[in-house]
Amino acid sequence: MEIMYYILIRGRNCEAFIDRCVSSLYSQTLNNWRAMIVLDQPKDGSVKKAMAYKGIKIYVHENETRKGLCQNMWFGVNLIKEQFYPRPEDVICILDADDYLDPKALNIINKHYERKGCLATYGSYIKLSKGRKTKISAPYPNGVKVRASKWHGSHFKTFKFKLWEIVPQSYFQHDGKWGEAASDLALMFSILELAGLARSNHISKPIYYWRDDTKFKTKPEDQKHWEKIFRNKKPLEQIA
């Protein structure tokens, strides 16, 4: 059965970038995808631009109140569940609205998921301000504890939907409060633990373009604070 790829596009004030982001999906050499654009109460023209793409392949949602990074991640994937009804073996992909994909990104990802046992992928990206791969492009060493190790679980982040069904909501929160930063870490620490590193494929070819030079970036002190919280969560047990 053909795998369907469901792409969560998260953004806020992304009017200047959303066209490039969405056009990179329509340029994919693999066509079995659907996308969920979730805009977190933007103050610019992001909604109007995104609504121009709404149709069979793309669903657009605007939050009435701002949710923040971690809650919007959780909410967005669950919107995919509610609107598209993914099967357990289908794949969820995370794409920020100010970034975009290489035309062969989904095709490359698909080759990994066609291999027996692959449950998640992560890998290399290109910083648009520098136009090159980053030093983060390396796989996790075998046997390490993900939450205690140097961060490698970066773009392009993808995983089988059945893993999402196991991730606790509390792993995006602390003391009942949603995380205000480090949402990628909250997600991928959980996903990689559930999948196990042997079933989480690192992709060395950079297929994701990260716009690292916008003014809409998390404050370093907030990132550091929430990263510490998420690293201290109890590791999840690998699924069979």
Foldseek 3Di string as FASTA:
>chain_A
DDAAEEEEEEEEAQVVAQVQAVVLLVLAPDPRYAYEYEYFDHPDCPQVVQVVPDDDRYDYYYDPHGDADQRCVLVRVVVCCVPPVHDQQHKYWYHYSNKHWANHVVVVVVVLSVDPQAFWEAAWAAEPVVGDTDPLGDADDPPDQQLVDDDNRHPGTMGGVNLVVPQDSCLQHDPPHGQNDPNVVSPVSSRCQQSPSVNYYYDHDHTMYDHPPDPPDDDPVSHVVVSVVNSPDDRDHHDD
